[in-house]
């Protein structure tokens, strides 16, 4: 909370993995950012995580990359 981010509890998180996008408002309130988070269960039983803080343009790029991957 000291950085203005209220991270929700993920009690309903998918055990196999999932992706999340959390809205993050800048401290000044004039910019919108997103925390993109993806996690999945690796073969060794541990979870691998990737997170990226991005803006609207970056989030659109991430989502368009995912759509291209799903098509292949």
PDB file of N, CA and C in Angstrom:
ATOM      1  N   UNK A   1       0.823  -1.198   0.000  1.00  0.00           N
ATOM      2  CA  UNK A   1       0.000   0.000   0.000  1.00  0.00           C
ATOM      3  C   UNK A   1       0.860   1.252   0.000  1.00  0.00           C
ATOM      4  N   UNK A   2       2.112   1.189   0.431  1.00  0.00           N
ATOM      5  CA  UNK A   2       2.934   2.390   0.490  1.00  0.00           C
ATOM      6  C   UNK A   2       3.212   2.971  -0.891  1.00  0.00           C
ATOM      7  N   UNK A   3       3.005   2.204  -1.954  1.00  0.00           N
ATOM      8  CA  UNK A   3       3.194   2.693  -3.312  1.00  0.00           C
ATOM      9  C   UNK A   3       1.866   2.876  -4.040  1.00  0.00           C
ATOM     10  N   UNK A   4       0.762   2.827  -3.325  1.00  0.00           N
ATOM     11  CA  UNK A   4      -0.540   3.045  -3.924  1.00  0.00           C
ATOM     12  C   UNK A   4      -1.109   1.837  -4.639  1.00  0.00           C
ATOM     13  N   UNK A   5      -0.557   0.670  -4.392  1.00  0.00           N
ATOM     14  CA  UNK A   5      -1.033  -0.550  -5.044  1.00  0.00           C
ATOM     15  C   UNK A   5      -1.638  -1.470  -3.989  1.00  0.00           C
ATOM     16  N   UNK A   6      -2.897  -1.763  -4.163  1.00  0.00           N
ATOM     17  CA  UNK A   6      -3.581  -2.692  -3.279  1.00  0.00           C
ATOM     18  C   UNK A   6      -3.655  -4.024  -4.010  1.00  0.00           C
ATOM     19  N   UNK A   7      -2.724  -4.930  -3.714  1.00  0.00           N
ATOM     20  CA  UNK A   7      -2.645  -6.223  -4.392  1.00  0.00           C
ATOM     21  C   UNK A   7      -3.740  -7.130  -3.836  1.00  0.00           C
ATOM     22  N   UNK A   8      -4.650  -7.576  -4.702  1.00  0.00           N
ATOM     23  CA  UNK A   8      -5.738  -8.425  -4.217  1.00  0.00           C
ATOM     24  C   UNK A   8      -5.238  -9.826  -3.852  1.00  0.00           C
ATOM     25  N   UNK A   9      -5.906 -10.424  -2.911  1.00  0.00           N
ATOM     26  CA  UNK A   9      -5.603 -11.814  -2.567  1.00  0.00           C
ATOM     27  C   UNK A   9      -6.070 -12.698  -3.720  1.00  0.00           C
ATOM     28  N   UNK A  10      -5.287 -13.682  -4.046  1.00  0.00           N
ATOM     29  CA  UNK A  10      -5.609 -14.547  -5.178  1.00  0.00           C
ATOM     30  C   UNK A  10      -6.047 -15.926  -4.686  1.00  0.00           C
ATOM     31  N   UNK A  11      -7.111 -15.952  -3.895  1.00  0.00           N
ATOM     32  CA  UNK A  11      -7.594 -17.204  -3.350  1.00  0.00           C
ATOM     33  C   UNK A  11      -8.150 -18.130  -4.424  1.00  0.00           C
ATOM     34  N   UNK A  12      -8.595 -17.541  -5.523  1.00  0.00           N
ATOM     35  CA  UNK A  12      -9.165 -18.356  -6.587  1.00  0.00           C
ATOM     36  C   UNK A  12      -8.186 -18.526  -7.757  1.00  0.00           C
ATOM     37  N   UNK A  13      -6.891 -18.416  -7.466  1.00  0.00           N
ATOM     38  CA  UNK A  13      -5.871 -18.557  -8.503  1.00  0.00           C
ATOM     39  C   UNK A  13      -5.899 -19.976  -9.081  1.00  0.00           C
ATOM     40  N   UNK A  14      -5.680 -20.067 -10.371  1.00  0.00           N
ATOM     41  CA  UNK A  14      -5.661 -21.357 -11.050  1.00  0.00           C
ATOM     42  C   UNK A  14      -4.373 -22.105 -10.699  1.00  0.00           C
ATOM     43  N   UNK A  15      -4.457 -23.339 -10.240  1.00  0.00           N
ATOM     44  CA  UNK A  15      -3.266 -24.085  -9.841  1.00  0.00           C
ATOM     45  C   UNK A  15      -2.318 -24.386 -11.006  1.00  0.00           C
ATOM     46  N   UNK A  16      -2.831 -24.467 -12.215  1.00  0.00           N
ATOM     47  CA  UNK A  16      -1.988 -24.781 -13.374  1.00  0.00           C
ATOM     48  C   UNK A  16      -1.313 -23.547 -13.965  1.00  0.00           C
ATOM     49  N   UNK A  17      -1.860 -22.368 -13.664  1.00  0.00           N
ATOM     50  CA  UNK A  17      -1.302 -21.132 -14.184  1.00  0.00           C
ATOM     51  C   UNK A  17      -2.384 -20.236 -14.750  1.00  0.00           C
ATOM     52  N   UNK A  18      -2.023 -18.972 -14.939  1.00  0.00           N
ATOM     53  CA  UNK A  18      -2.992 -18.005 -15.427  1.00  0.00           C
ATOM     54  C   UNK A  18      -2.249 -16.716 -15.758  1.00  0.00           C
ATOM     55  N   UNK A  19      -2.961 -15.765 -16.319  1.00  0.00           N
ATOM     56  CA  UNK A  19      -2.409 -14.431 -16.516  1.00  0.00           C
ATOM     57  C   UNK A  19      -3.383 -13.428 -15.928  1.00  0.00           C
ATOM     58  N   UNK A  20      -2.842 -12.347 -15.398  1.00  0.00           N
ATOM     59  CA  UNK A  20      -3.651 -11.320 -14.757  1.00  0.00           C
ATOM     60  C   UNK A  20      -3.191  -9.962 -15.236  1.00  0.00           C
ATOM     61  N   UNK A  21      -4.101  -9.014 -15.267  1.00  0.00           N
ATOM     62  CA  UNK A  21      -3.772  -7.623 -15.542  1.00  0.00           C
ATOM     63  C   UNK A  21      -4.406  -6.807 -14.427  1.00  0.00           C
ATOM     64  N   UNK A  22      -3.562  -6.088 -13.680  1.00  0.00           N
ATOM     65  CA  UNK A  22      -4.044  -5.254 -12.586  1.00  0.00           C
ATOM     66  C   UNK A  22      -3.865  -3.791 -12.956  1.00  0.00           C
ATOM     67  N   UNK A  23      -4.896  -2.974 -12.741  1.00  0.00           N
ATOM     68  CA  UNK A  23      -4.816  -1.531 -12.983  1.00  0.00           C
ATOM     69  C   UNK A  23      -4.012  -0.883 -11.871  1.00  0.00           C
ATOM     70  N   UNK A  24      -3.087  -0.018 -12.264  1.00  0.00           N
ATOM     71  CA  UNK A  24      -2.283   0.716 -11.292  1.00  0.00           C
ATOM     72  C   UNK A  24      -2.339   2.187 -11.674  1.00  0.00           C
ATOM     73  N   UNK A  25      -2.843   2.998 -10.789  1.00  0.00           N
ATOM     74  CA  UNK A  25      -2.910   4.427 -11.050  1.00  0.00           C
ATOM     75  C   UNK A  25      -1.652   5.077 -10.495  1.00  0.00           C
ATOM     76  N   UNK A  26      -1.086   6.013 -11.234  1.00  0.00           N
ATOM     77  CA  UNK A  26       0.124   6.686 -10.764  1.00  0.00           C
ATOM     78  C   UNK A  26      -0.197   7.506  -9.516  1.00  0.00           C
ATOM     79  N   UNK A  27       0.823   7.822  -8.764  1.00  0.00           N
ATOM     80  CA  UNK A  27       0.629   8.581  -7.520  1.00  0.00           C
ATOM     81  C   UNK A  27      -0.012   9.944  -7.807  1.00  0.00           C
ATOM     82  N   UNK A  28       0.294  10.543  -8.946  1.00  0.00           N
ATOM     83  CA  UNK A  28      -0.294  11.840  -9.279  1.00  0.00           C
ATOM     84  C   UNK A  28      -1.714  11.682  -9.819  1.00  0.00           C
ATOM     85  N   UNK A  29      -2.068  10.453 -10.229  1.00  0.00           N
ATOM     86  CA  UNK A  29      -3.413  10.183 -10.701  1.00  0.00           C
ATOM     87  C   UNK A  29      -3.662  10.536 -12.149  1.00  0.00           C
ATOM     88  N   UNK A  30      -2.634  11.021 -12.848  1.00  0.00           N
ATOM     89  CA  UNK A  30      -2.842  11.436 -14.234  1.00  0.00           C
ATOM     90  C   UNK A  30      -2.351  10.414 -15.251  1.00  0.00           C
ATOM     91  N   UNK A  31      -1.775   9.327 -14.796  1.00  0.00           N
ATOM     92  CA  UNK A  31      -1.314   8.282 -15.709  1.00  0.00           C
ATOM     93  C   UNK A  31      -1.877   6.937 -15.272  1.00  0.00           C
ATOM     94  N   UNK A  32      -2.144   6.076 -16.232  1.00  0.00           N
ATOM     95  CA  UNK A  32      -2.658   4.736 -15.961  1.00  0.00           C
ATOM     96  C   UNK A  32      -1.605   3.716 -16.372  1.00  0.00           C
ATOM     97  N   UNK A  33      -1.288   2.819 -15.475  1.00  0.00           N
ATOM     98  CA  UNK A  33      -0.357   1.749 -15.761  1.00  0.00           C
ATOM     99  C   UNK A  33      -1.025   0.421 -15.457  1.00  0.00           C
ATOM    100  N   UNK A  34      -0.422  -0.642 -15.954  1.00  0.00           N
ATOM    101  CA  UNK A  34      -0.944  -1.986 -15.731  1.00  0.00           C
ATOM    102  C   UNK A  34       0.192  -2.890 -15.307  1.00  0.00           C
ATOM    103  N   UNK A  35      -0.105  -3.761 -14.373  1.00  0.00           N
ATOM    104  CA  UNK A  35       0.829  -4.816 -13.997  1.00  0.00           C
ATOM    105  C   UNK A  35       0.334  -6.081 -14.674  1.00  0.00           C
ATOM    106  N   UNK A  36       1.098  -6.527 -15.656  1.00  0.00           N
ATOM    107  CA  UNK A  36       0.783  -7.768 -16.369  1.00  0.00           C
ATOM    108  C   UNK A  36       1.559  -8.875 -15.674  1.00  0.00           C
ATOM    109  N   UNK A  37       0.871  -9.927 -15.298  1.00  0.00           N
ATOM    110  CA  UNK A  37       1.471 -11.031 -14.556  1.00  0.00           C
ATOM    111  C   UNK A  37       1.022 -12.346 -15.172  1.00  0.00           C
ATOM    112  N   UNK A  38       1.973 -13.207 -15.441  1.00  0.00           N
ATOM    113  CA  UNK A  38       1.658 -14.543 -15.939  1.00  0.00           C
ATOM    114  C   UNK A  38       2.449 -15.541 -15.104  1.00  0.00           C
ATOM    115  N   UNK A  39       1.811 -16.649 -14.764  1.00  0.00           N
ATOM    116  CA  UNK A  39       2.487 -17.696 -13.998  1.00  0.00           C
ATOM    117  C   UNK A  39       2.016 -19.047 -14.506  1.00  0.00           C
ATOM    118  N   UNK A  40       2.877 -20.036 -14.340  1.00  0.00           N
ATOM    119  CA  UNK A  40       2.503 -21.395 -14.735  1.00  0.00           C
ATOM    120  C   UNK A  40       3.294 -22.399 -13.917  1.00  0.00           C
ATOM    121  N   UNK A  41       2.739 -23.574 -13.794  1.00  0.00           N
ATOM    122  CA  UNK A  41       3.362 -24.661 -13.051  1.00  0.00           C
ATOM    123  C   UNK A  41       4.399 -25.324 -13.946  1.00  0.00           C
ATOM    124  N   UNK A  42       5.643 -25.308 -13.508  1.00  0.00           N
ATOM    125  CA  UNK A  42       6.734 -25.891 -14.285  1.00  0.00           C
ATOM    126  C   UNK A  42       6.802 -27.397 -14.039  1.00  0.00           C
ATOM    127  N   UNK A  43       7.581 -28.078 -14.863  1.00  0.00           N
ATOM    128  CA  UNK A  43       7.704 -29.535 -14.771  1.00  0.00           C
ATOM    129  C   UNK A  43       8.246 -30.008 -13.428  1.00  0.00           C
ATOM    130  N   UNK A  44       9.050 -29.174 -12.762  1.00  0.00           N
ATOM    131  CA  UNK A  44       9.643 -29.581 -11.487  1.00  0.00           C
ATOM    132  C   UNK A  44       8.735 -29.302 -10.288  1.00  0.00           C
ATOM    133  N   UNK A  45       7.494 -28.862 -10.539  1.00  0.00           N
ATOM    134  CA  UNK A  45       6.532 -28.624  -9.462  1.00  0.00           C
ATOM    135  C   UNK A  45       6.580 -27.220  -8.892  1.00  0.00           C
ATOM    136  N   UNK A  46       7.482 -26.392  -9.374  1.00  0.00           N
ATOM    137  CA  UNK A  46       7.566 -24.992  -8.933  1.00  0.00           C
ATOM    138  C   UNK A  46       6.836 -24.113  -9.935  1.00  0.00           C
ATOM    139  N   UNK A  47       6.564 -22.895  -9.520  1.00  0.00           N
ATOM    140  CA  UNK A  47       5.892 -21.943 -10.402  1.00  0.00           C
ATOM    141  C   UNK A  47       6.910 -20.981 -11.000  1.00  0.00           C
ATOM    142  N   UNK A  48       6.745 -20.716 -12.288  1.00  0.00           N
ATOM    143  CA  UNK A  48       7.510 -19.682 -12.969  1.00  0.00           C
ATOM    144  C   UNK A  48       6.599 -18.477 -13.135  1.00  0.00           C
ATOM    145  N   UNK A  49       7.152 -17.294 -12.864  1.00  0.00           N
ATOM    146  CA  UNK A  49       6.405 -16.045 -12.941  1.00  0.00           C
ATOM    147  C   UNK A  49       7.088 -15.077 -13.892  1.00  0.00           C
ATOM    148  N   UNK A  50       6.293 -14.262 -14.534  1.00  0.00           N
ATOM    149  CA  UNK A  50       6.789 -13.136 -15.310  1.00  0.00           C
ATOM    150  C   UNK A  50       5.848 -11.969 -15.032  1.00  0.00           C
ATOM    151  N   UNK A  51       6.416 -10.804 -14.759  1.00  0.00           N
ATOM    152  CA  UNK A  51       5.603  -9.616 -14.515  1.00  0.00           C
ATOM    153  C   UNK A  51       6.212  -8.439 -15.252  1.00  0.00           C
ATOM    154  N   UNK A  52       5.337  -7.549 -15.695  1.00  0.00           N
ATOM    155  CA  UNK A  52       5.788  -6.361 -16.405  1.00  0.00           C
ATOM    156  C   UNK A  52       4.853  -5.208 -16.079  1.00  0.00           C
ATOM    157  N   UNK A  53       5.436  -4.075 -15.735  1.00  0.00           N
ATOM    158  CA  UNK A  53       4.665  -2.854 -15.527  1.00  0.00           C
ATOM    159  C   UNK A  53       4.665  -2.100 -16.847  1.00  0.00           C
ATOM    160  N   UNK A  54       3.474  -1.771 -17.360  1.00  0.00           N
ATOM    161  CA  UNK A  54       3.393  -1.187 -18.687  1.00  0.00           C
ATOM    162  C   UNK A  54       2.252  -0.182 -18.765  1.00  0.00           C
ATOM    163  N   UNK A  55       2.202   0.526 -19.881  1.00  0.00           N
ATOM    164  CA  UNK A  55       1.116   1.473 -20.136  1.00  0.00           C
ATOM    165  C   UNK A  55       0.134   0.864 -21.134  1.00  0.00           C
ATOM    166  N   UNK A  56      -0.819   1.675 -21.616  1.00  0.00           N
ATOM    167  CA  UNK A  56      -1.839   1.168 -22.565  1.00  0.00           C
ATOM    168  C   UNK A  56      -1.200   0.571 -23.809  1.00  0.00           C
ATOM    169  N   UNK A  57      -0.241   1.278 -24.377  1.00  0.00           N
ATOM    170  CA  UNK A  57       0.408   0.810 -25.598  1.00  0.00           C
ATOM    171  C   UNK A  57       1.133  -0.515 -25.373  1.00  0.00           C
ATOM    172  N   UNK A  58       1.865  -0.615 -24.265  1.00  0.00           N
ATOM    173  CA  UNK A  58       2.584  -1.845 -23.953  1.00  0.00           C
ATOM    174  C   UNK A  58       1.655  -3.012 -23.703  1.00  0.00           C
ATOM    175  N   UNK A  59       0.537  -2.754 -23.024  1.00  0.00           N
ATOM    176  CA  UNK A  59      -0.433  -3.816 -22.757  1.00  0.00           C
ATOM    177  C   UNK A  59      -1.056  -4.309 -24.058  1.00  0.00           C
ATOM    178  N   UNK A  60      -1.377  -3.385 -24.952  1.00  0.00           N
ATOM    179  CA  UNK A  60      -1.918  -3.787 -26.255  1.00  0.00           C
ATOM    180  C   UNK A  60      -0.916  -4.641 -27.019  1.00  0.00           C
ATOM    181  N   UNK A  61       0.359  -4.293 -26.931  1.00  0.00           N
ATOM    182  CA  UNK A  61       1.401  -5.073 -27.602  1.00  0.00           C
ATOM    183  C   UNK A  61       1.509  -6.478 -27.013  1.00  0.00           C
ATOM    184  N   UNK A  62       1.462  -6.579 -25.689  1.00  0.00           N
ATOM    185  CA  UNK A  62       1.518  -7.894 -25.041  1.00  0.00           C
ATOM    186  C   UNK A  62       0.343  -8.753 -25.479  1.00  0.00           C
ATOM    187  N   UNK A  63      -0.854  -8.172 -25.465  1.00  0.00           N
ATOM    188  CA  UNK A  63      -2.042  -8.929 -25.817  1.00  0.00           C
ATOM    189  C   UNK A  63      -2.043  -9.334 -27.296  1.00  0.00           C
ATOM    190  N   UNK A  64      -1.532  -8.473 -28.173  1.00  0.00           N
ATOM    191  CA  UNK A  64      -1.490  -8.823 -29.585  1.00  0.00           C
ATOM    192  C   UNK A  64      -0.445  -9.911 -29.830  1.00  0.00           C
ATOM    193  N   UNK A  65       0.654  -9.911 -29.073  1.00  0.00           N
ATOM    194  CA  UNK A  65       1.647 -10.975 -29.175  1.00  0.00           C
ATOM    195  C   UNK A  65       1.037 -12.313 -28.767  1.00  0.00           C
ATOM    196  N   UNK A  66       0.204 -12.306 -27.732  1.00  0.00           N
ATOM    197  CA  UNK A  66      -0.443 -13.528 -27.255  1.00  0.00           C
ATOM    198  C   UNK A  66      -1.393 -14.084 -28.308  1.00  0.00           C
ATOM    199  N   UNK A  67      -2.157 -13.196 -28.941  1.00  0.00           N
ATOM    200  CA  UNK A  67      -3.099 -13.647 -29.970  1.00  0.00           C
ATOM    201  C   UNK A  67      -2.361 -14.289 -31.127  1.00  0.00           C
ATOM    202  N   UNK A  68      -1.209 -13.749 -31.515  1.00  0.00           N
ATOM    203  CA  UNK A  68      -0.406 -14.328 -32.580  1.00  0.00           C
ATOM    204  C   UNK A  68       0.120 -15.714 -32.171  1.00  0.00           C
ATOM    205  N   UNK A  69       0.543 -15.846 -30.903  1.00  0.00           N
ATOM    206  CA  UNK A  69       1.045 -17.137 -30.410  1.00  0.00           C
ATOM    207  C   UNK A  69      -0.043 -18.187 -30.416  1.00  0.00           C
ATOM    208  N   UNK A  70      -1.269 -17.811 -30.058  1.00  0.00           N
ATOM    209  CA  UNK A  70      -2.378 -18.762 -30.017  1.00  0.00           C
ATOM    210  C   UNK A  70      -2.756 -19.238 -31.406  1.00  0.00           C
ATOM    211  N   UNK A  71      -2.595 -18.384 -32.409  1.00  0.00           N
ATOM    212  CA  UNK A  71      -2.929 -18.742 -33.766  1.00  0.00           C
ATOM    213  C   UNK A  71      -1.953 -19.752 -34.358  1.00  0.00           C
ATOM    214  N   UNK A  72      -0.708 -19.732 -33.892  1.00  0.00           N
ATOM    215  CA  UNK A  72       0.328 -20.615 -34.457  1.00  0.00           C
ATOM    216  C   UNK A  72       0.190 -22.023 -33.988  1.00  0.00           C
TER     217      UNK A  72
END
